[in-house]
Amino acid sequence: LRTAVAEAGLFGLTVPEEHGGAGFSLKAACAVIADLAAIERSTAIMIGLHSGLGVRPLVELGSAELRARMLPEIVAGTRIASFAATEAEAGSDLTGIRTTGTPTDDGLRLDGEKVYVTNGGFAGCYTVLARTPGLGGQRAHSLVFVPRETPGVTIGPEEDKLGIRGSSTVTVTFEGAVVPRGMILGEAGRGIDQAHAALSWGRTLMAAGCVGTARAALDLALSHVTSRRQFGKPIGDFTASRAHVARMAARLYASETLVRWVGHALASGQPIDELSLAAKVLCSEASFEICDRALQLHGALGFIEPTGVARLLRDCRITRIFEGANDVLLVPSVSLSN
């Protein structure tokens, strides 16, 4: 799979052309991720995380030397990107993280543990959000680029998950992991703001994945209600079935429109922080509802694995939680300030 993805150029989806990538805009990348998610969500998540949270901080904040050295490997797929922010005691509240970057004579020493790191098991690099009180004061945080081969980086076992079982989710531990100061991305001490800027890309790409999953669920539902017959006619002729399908189609249209709107806003030079939050929440909630209605329309058959509906429902459930739980993002004072 990794070789096929690399040959298709998908690891370089959002990497600038001067570094060998496709240089796709957010809007164009969303279209690709949506199509991938309609086929297989775990692969879409791998590529979406890599292209958004994994790559954007390096592209936008990394030094020219670091970009020139790392981005060609990232495009080739020999160094898949990941993002490490969440901790056991710091999920939605990024300001609560404990992982610390301490300045040393050799560079910056990282100590701490990150959980639920997507792509973490096979990633070749991690963008790590760490407290850096020695670089900007007690409340300062920084984004740090950490190659996998750095001594002191330990990768834990894969998590056994409800859905997206084909994606990698691990704990990554940093114990005396020292990287050069040049691995700090952008201005030291501004990591929280930088992380939220990257999350705008990440959440939008995830919303696009939700669109793809929802589209697949609607297609399966339409195929079923037009072929399954009860009481002498297709179940799609019944009012209850039509109501389900109409609701699904309306929610999908709203999701597709909002994702395109975010991409258009970024291309027009407008801020997308709030729009990406809206897209993440609306699309993840809509995707789960659409998949659930698709299963309902299939009846008992939807609960049977070969139809594929059950997998769609499992795979989309996590999107209401990761990259910011919807319950938290719906509270403006929390979602926009932390």
Protein backbone atom coordinates (compact mmCIF):
# COMPACT_ATOMS: atom_id res chain seq x y z
CA LEU A 1 0.00 0.00 0.00
CA ARG A 2 2.77 2.42 0.93
CA THR A 3 4.47 1.88 -2.43
CA ALA A 4 1.21 2.34 -4.32
CA VAL A 5 0.41 5.56 -2.45
CA ALA A 6 3.89 6.89 -3.14
CA GLU A 7 3.71 5.99 -6.84
CA ALA A 8 0.38 7.82 -7.08
CA GLY A 9 2.05 10.94 -5.64
CA LEU A 10 -0.34 11.11 -2.70
CA PHE A 11 2.34 11.59 -0.05
CA GLY A 12 3.25 14.85 -1.77
CA LEU A 13 -0.32 16.03 -2.13
CA THR A 14 0.14 19.37 -0.29
CA VAL A 15 3.93 19.66 -0.57
CA PRO A 16 5.09 22.56 -2.80
CA GLU A 17 6.15 21.66 -6.32
CA GLU A 18 9.70 22.97 -5.76
CA HIS A 19 10.19 20.08 -3.32
CA GLY A 20 8.72 17.47 -5.65
CA GLY A 21 5.14 17.58 -4.39
CA ALA A 22 1.86 18.19 -6.20
CA GLY A 23 1.35 21.56 -4.52
CA PHE A 24 -2.40 21.03 -4.17
CA SER A 25 -4.49 23.70 -2.49
CA LEU A 26 -6.60 22.79 0.53
CA LYS A 27 -9.69 22.69 -1.69
CA ALA A 28 -8.06 20.30 -4.18
CA ALA A 29 -6.62 18.10 -1.45
CA CYS A 30 -10.08 17.82 0.13
CA ALA A 31 -11.48 16.47 -3.13
CA VAL A 32 -8.81 13.75 -3.17
CA ILE A 33 -9.34 12.79 0.48
CA ALA A 34 -13.13 12.61 -0.01
CA ASP A 35 -12.71 10.23 -2.96
CA LEU A 36 -10.26 8.07 -0.99
CA ALA A 37 -12.55 7.94 2.05
CA ALA A 38 -15.44 6.76 -0.09
CA ILE A 39 -13.34 3.67 -0.84
CA GLU A 40 -11.33 3.05 2.34
CA ARG A 41 -11.34 5.38 5.34
CA SER A 42 -8.16 4.19 7.08
CA THR A 43 -6.07 4.98 4.00
CA ALA A 44 -7.76 8.36 3.66
CA ILE A 45 -6.95 9.14 7.30
CA MET A 46 -3.31 8.14 6.83
CA ILE A 47 -2.91 10.41 3.81
CA GLY A 48 -5.07 13.20 5.23
CA LEU A 49 -3.16 13.35 8.53
CA HIS A 50 0.15 13.20 6.68
CA SER A 51 -0.90 15.95 4.25
CA GLY A 52 -2.44 18.25 6.84
CA LEU A 53 -1.23 18.17 10.43
CA GLY A 54 1.87 16.17 9.53
CA VAL A 55 3.22 18.30 6.67
CA ARG A 56 1.81 21.82 6.95
CA PRO A 57 3.86 22.98 9.99
CA LEU A 58 7.08 21.96 8.21
CA VAL A 59 6.01 23.56 4.92
CA GLU A 60 4.90 26.83 6.51
CA LEU A 61 7.29 27.18 9.45
CA GLY A 62 10.38 25.04 8.82
CA SER A 63 13.70 26.55 7.83
CA ALA A 64 14.72 26.43 4.17
CA GLU A 65 17.43 23.89 5.02
CA LEU A 66 15.06 21.61 6.94
CA ARG A 67 12.44 21.74 4.18
CA ALA A 68 15.02 20.99 1.49
CA ARG A 69 16.28 18.00 3.49
CA MET A 70 13.02 16.46 4.66
CA LEU A 71 10.30 17.27 2.14
CA PRO A 72 11.73 15.14 -0.73
CA GLU A 73 11.74 12.13 1.61
CA ILE A 74 8.20 12.94 2.70
CA VAL A 75 7.03 13.15 -0.92
CA ALA A 76 8.70 9.81 -1.68
CA GLY A 77 6.91 8.19 1.26
CA THR A 78 10.17 7.12 2.86
CA ARG A 79 9.37 9.46 5.75
CA ILE A 80 5.62 9.56 6.49
CA ALA A 81 4.59 12.49 8.69
CA SER A 82 2.69 12.51 11.96
CA PHE A 83 1.55 15.02 14.58
CA ALA A 84 1.90 14.46 18.32
CA ALA A 85 -0.05 16.74 20.65
CA THR A 86 -2.56 14.74 22.73
CA GLU A 87 -1.52 13.42 26.14
CA ALA A 88 -3.22 11.29 28.77
CA GLU A 89 -4.09 14.38 30.81
CA ALA A 90 -4.36 16.84 27.91
CA GLY A 91 -6.81 16.07 25.12
CA SER A 92 -8.94 18.99 23.96
CA ASP A 93 -7.04 21.38 26.24
CA LEU A 94 -3.67 21.68 24.53
CA THR A 95 -2.43 24.10 27.17
CA GLY A 96 -2.41 21.22 29.67
CA ILE A 97 0.36 19.20 28.01
CA ARG A 98 3.31 18.04 30.10
CA THR A 99 5.84 17.09 27.42
CA THR A 100 8.70 19.54 27.87
CA GLY A 101 11.44 20.83 25.59
CA THR A 102 14.48 21.94 27.58
CA PRO A 103 17.29 23.94 25.94
CA THR A 104 20.69 22.24 26.17
CA ASP A 105 24.14 22.87 24.77
CA ASP A 106 23.35 20.37 22.02
CA GLY A 107 19.89 21.69 21.13
CA LEU A 108 16.51 20.91 22.68
CA ARG A 109 15.82 17.92 24.93
CA LEU A 110 12.30 16.44 24.79
CA ASP A 111 10.78 14.49 27.66
CA GLY A 112 7.18 13.30 27.78
CA GLU A 113 4.60 10.97 26.30
CA LYS A 114 2.07 11.51 23.51
CA VAL A 115 -0.96 9.25 23.09
CA TYR A 116 -3.26 8.40 20.16
CA VAL A 117 -0.64 9.43 17.62
CA THR A 118 -2.11 8.77 14.17
CA ASN A 119 0.43 7.33 11.68
CA GLY A 120 2.74 6.99 14.68
CA GLY A 121 3.62 3.33 14.21
CA PHE A 122 5.25 3.80 10.82
CA ALA A 123 5.89 7.56 10.74
CA GLY A 124 9.35 8.76 9.88
CA CYS A 125 8.90 12.11 11.61
CA TYR A 126 6.74 13.70 14.28
CA THR A 127 5.71 17.32 14.74
CA VAL A 128 5.57 17.55 18.53
CA LEU A 129 3.83 20.20 20.61
CA ALA A 130 5.87 20.72 23.78
CA ARG A 131 6.10 23.12 26.69
CA THR A 132 9.24 25.22 26.31
CA PRO A 133 9.44 27.44 29.41
CA GLY A 134 13.09 28.10 28.65
CA LEU A 135 12.09 29.61 25.32
CA GLY A 136 9.52 32.28 25.97
CA GLY A 137 8.40 31.94 29.58
CA GLN A 138 6.47 29.49 31.74
CA ARG A 139 3.41 29.42 29.46
CA ALA A 140 5.38 29.08 26.23
CA HIS A 141 4.92 26.13 23.87
CA SER A 142 6.74 25.27 20.65
CA LEU A 143 6.33 22.95 17.70
CA VAL A 144 9.34 20.69 17.26
CA PHE A 145 10.17 18.47 14.27
CA VAL A 146 11.50 15.14 15.50
CA PRO A 147 12.85 12.46 13.12
CA ARG A 148 11.91 8.92 14.13
CA GLU A 149 15.55 7.83 14.38
CA THR A 150 16.30 10.38 17.13
CA PRO A 151 17.73 8.53 20.17
CA GLY A 152 15.23 8.57 23.03
CA VAL A 153 12.12 8.17 20.82
CA THR A 154 10.15 5.01 21.63
CA ILE A 155 7.11 3.78 19.70
CA GLY A 156 4.45 1.84 21.62
CA PRO A 157 2.20 -0.97 20.35
CA GLU A 158 -0.78 -0.38 18.08
CA GLU A 159 -4.09 0.39 19.79
CA ASP A 160 -6.96 -2.08 19.30
CA LYS A 161 -9.68 0.23 17.96
CA LEU A 162 -13.43 0.16 17.26
CA GLY A 163 -12.96 1.50 13.73
CA ILE A 164 -10.32 2.77 11.28
CA ARG A 165 -8.51 -0.43 12.19
CA GLY A 166 -6.27 -0.12 9.16
CA SER A 167 -4.74 3.12 10.43
CA SER A 168 -1.87 3.35 12.90
CA THR A 169 -2.57 4.70 16.41
CA VAL A 170 0.19 4.44 19.03
CA THR A 171 1.79 6.07 22.05
CA VAL A 172 5.11 7.81 21.40
CA THR A 173 7.50 8.43 24.29
CA PHE A 174 10.31 10.98 24.33
CA GLU A 175 12.95 10.32 26.95
CA GLY A 176 15.95 12.59 26.68
CA ALA A 177 15.41 12.92 22.92
CA VAL A 178 17.70 15.74 21.79
CA VAL A 179 17.20 17.54 18.48
CA PRO A 180 19.07 20.58 17.08
CA ARG A 181 17.54 24.00 17.72
CA GLY A 182 16.92 24.21 13.99
CA MET A 183 14.21 21.58 14.43
CA ILE A 184 11.97 24.13 16.20
CA LEU A 185 9.35 25.13 13.66
CA GLY A 186 8.72 28.84 13.36
CA GLU A 187 9.05 31.19 16.29
CA ALA A 188 9.72 29.43 19.59
CA GLY A 189 7.05 30.00 22.23
CA ARG A 190 4.16 30.34 19.77
CA GLY A 191 3.37 26.65 19.49
CA ILE A 192 -0.27 26.81 20.56
CA ASP A 193 -1.17 29.33 17.86
CA GLN A 194 0.88 27.39 15.31
CA ALA A 195 -0.84 24.13 16.28
CA HIS A 196 -4.25 25.69 15.81
CA ALA A 197 -3.26 26.94 12.35
CA ALA A 198 -2.23 23.40 11.41
CA LEU A 199 -5.44 22.05 12.90
CA SER A 200 -7.41 24.25 10.51
CA TRP A 201 -5.96 22.21 7.65
CA GLY A 202 -6.25 18.94 9.57
CA ARG A 203 -9.88 19.43 10.55
CA THR A 204 -10.88 20.45 7.05
CA LEU A 205 -9.23 17.40 5.49
CA MET A 206 -10.92 15.21 8.09
CA ALA A 207 -14.26 16.85 7.25
CA ALA A 208 -13.59 15.98 3.59
CA GLY A 209 -13.04 12.37 4.66
CA CYS A 210 -16.42 12.48 6.38
CA VAL A 211 -17.96 13.64 3.11
CA GLY A 212 -16.46 10.65 1.31
CA THR A 213 -17.70 8.18 3.92
CA ALA A 214 -21.18 9.71 3.87
CA ARG A 215 -21.27 9.58 0.08
CA ALA A 216 -20.39 5.87 0.15
CA ALA A 217 -23.13 5.22 2.73
CA LEU A 218 -25.74 7.05 0.67
CA ASP A 219 -24.74 5.14 -2.47
CA LEU A 220 -25.10 1.82 -0.64
CA ALA A 221 -28.47 2.88 0.76
CA LEU A 222 -29.79 3.95 -2.65
CA SER A 223 -28.67 0.68 -4.22
CA HIS A 224 -30.39 -1.29 -1.48
CA VAL A 225 -33.72 0.55 -1.37
CA THR A 226 -34.13 0.28 -5.14
CA SER A 227 -33.41 -3.47 -5.26
CA ARG A 228 -34.86 -4.75 -1.98
CA ARG A 229 -38.58 -5.55 -2.36
CA GLN A 230 -41.18 -5.92 0.37
CA PHE A 231 -44.97 -6.12 0.01
CA GLY A 232 -44.57 -6.38 -3.72
CA LYS A 233 -42.52 -3.25 -4.40
CA PRO A 234 -39.06 -1.71 -3.72
CA ILE A 235 -38.72 -0.42 -0.16
CA GLY A 236 -37.60 2.89 -1.65
CA ASP A 237 -41.21 3.49 -2.65
CA PHE A 238 -42.30 3.70 0.98
CA THR A 239 -42.58 7.10 2.65
CA ALA A 240 -40.39 6.14 5.60
CA SER A 241 -37.53 5.08 3.29
CA ARG A 242 -37.89 8.24 1.22
CA ALA A 243 -37.68 10.36 4.37
CA HIS A 244 -34.43 8.64 5.37
CA VAL A 245 -32.89 9.11 1.92
CA ALA A 246 -33.98 12.75 1.68
CA ARG A 247 -32.43 13.56 5.06
CA MET A 248 -29.21 11.77 4.10
CA ALA A 249 -28.94 13.60 0.79
CA ALA A 250 -29.58 16.99 2.39
CA ARG A 251 -26.96 16.44 5.08
CA LEU A 252 -24.43 15.27 2.50
CA TYR A 253 -25.04 18.32 0.33
CA ALA A 254 -24.55 20.65 3.32
CA SER A 255 -21.31 18.87 4.22
CA GLU A 256 -19.91 19.03 0.69
CA THR A 257 -20.80 22.71 0.44
CA LEU A 258 -19.17 23.66 3.73
CA VAL A 259 -15.92 21.83 2.91
CA ARG A 260 -15.72 23.61 -0.45
CA TRP A 261 -16.44 26.89 1.32
CA VAL A 262 -13.45 26.44 3.64
CA GLY A 263 -11.16 25.74 0.70
CA HIS A 264 -12.46 28.75 -1.19
CA ALA A 265 -12.02 30.99 1.86
CA LEU A 266 -8.37 29.99 2.27
CA ALA A 267 -7.69 30.53 -1.43
CA SER A 268 -9.26 33.99 -1.11
CA GLY A 269 -6.96 34.91 1.76
CA GLN A 270 -9.67 34.74 4.42
CA PRO A 271 -9.14 33.22 7.89
CA ILE A 272 -10.48 29.67 8.17
CA ASP A 273 -10.13 28.92 11.90
CA GLU A 274 -13.84 29.16 12.65
CA LEU A 275 -14.93 27.72 9.31
CA SER A 276 -12.73 24.65 9.77
CA LEU A 277 -14.23 24.11 13.23
CA ALA A 278 -17.71 24.32 11.75
CA ALA A 279 -16.81 21.90 8.97
CA LYS A 280 -15.28 19.42 11.40
CA VAL A 281 -18.33 19.41 13.66
CA LEU A 282 -21.04 19.47 10.99
CA CYS A 283 -19.42 16.89 8.70
CA SER A 284 -18.52 14.43 11.46
CA GLU A 285 -22.03 14.58 12.94
CA ALA A 286 -23.64 14.34 9.50
CA SER A 287 -21.45 11.43 8.44
CA PHE A 288 -22.39 9.41 11.51
CA GLU A 289 -26.08 10.16 10.99
CA ILE A 290 -25.94 9.21 7.31
CA CYS A 291 -24.11 5.96 8.02
CA ASP A 292 -26.56 5.12 10.79
CA ARG A 293 -29.55 5.76 8.52
CA ALA A 294 -27.91 3.64 5.80
CA LEU A 295 -27.63 0.77 8.26
CA GLN A 296 -31.26 1.27 9.32
CA LEU A 297 -32.44 1.11 5.72
CA HIS A 298 -30.55 -2.16 5.25
CA GLY A 299 -32.32 -3.65 8.26
CA ALA A 300 -30.63 -6.73 9.74
CA LEU A 301 -28.49 -6.98 6.60
CA GLY A 302 -26.78 -3.73 7.57
CA PHE A 303 -25.53 -5.38 10.74
CA ILE A 304 -23.77 -8.05 8.67
CA GLU A 305 -20.17 -7.23 7.74
CA PRO A 306 -20.16 -8.15 4.00
CA THR A 307 -22.51 -5.27 3.13
CA GLY A 308 -19.83 -2.77 4.24
CA VAL A 309 -22.29 -0.52 6.05
CA ALA A 310 -21.21 -1.60 9.52
CA ARG A 311 -17.58 -0.76 8.73
CA LEU A 312 -18.55 2.70 7.49
CA LEU A 313 -20.39 3.36 10.75
CA ARG A 314 -17.46 2.19 12.88
CA ASP A 315 -14.91 4.12 10.85
CA CYS A 316 -16.72 7.45 11.08
CA ARG A 317 -17.41 7.32 14.83
CA ILE A 318 -13.96 8.57 15.84
CA THR A 319 -14.33 11.77 13.80
CA ARG A 320 -16.64 13.25 16.45
CA ILE A 321 -13.78 12.86 18.94
CA PHE A 322 -10.33 13.33 17.46
CA GLU A 323 -8.79 16.66 16.42
CA GLY A 324 -11.01 18.20 19.07
CA ALA A 325 -14.10 16.57 20.58
CA ASN A 326 -17.23 18.13 19.12
CA ASP A 327 -18.63 18.75 22.61
CA VAL A 328 -15.64 21.00 23.34
CA LEU A 329 -15.50 22.68 19.94
CA LEU A 330 -19.11 23.75 20.32
CA VAL A 331 -18.14 25.91 23.31
CA PRO A 332 -16.74 29.11 21.68
CA SER A 333 -14.71 30.28 24.69
CA VAL A 334 -12.89 26.95 24.73
CA SER A 335 -12.52 26.11 21.06
CA LEU A 336 -11.19 29.49 20.00
CA SER A 337 -8.96 30.39 22.92
CA ASN A 338 -7.11 27.16 23.70
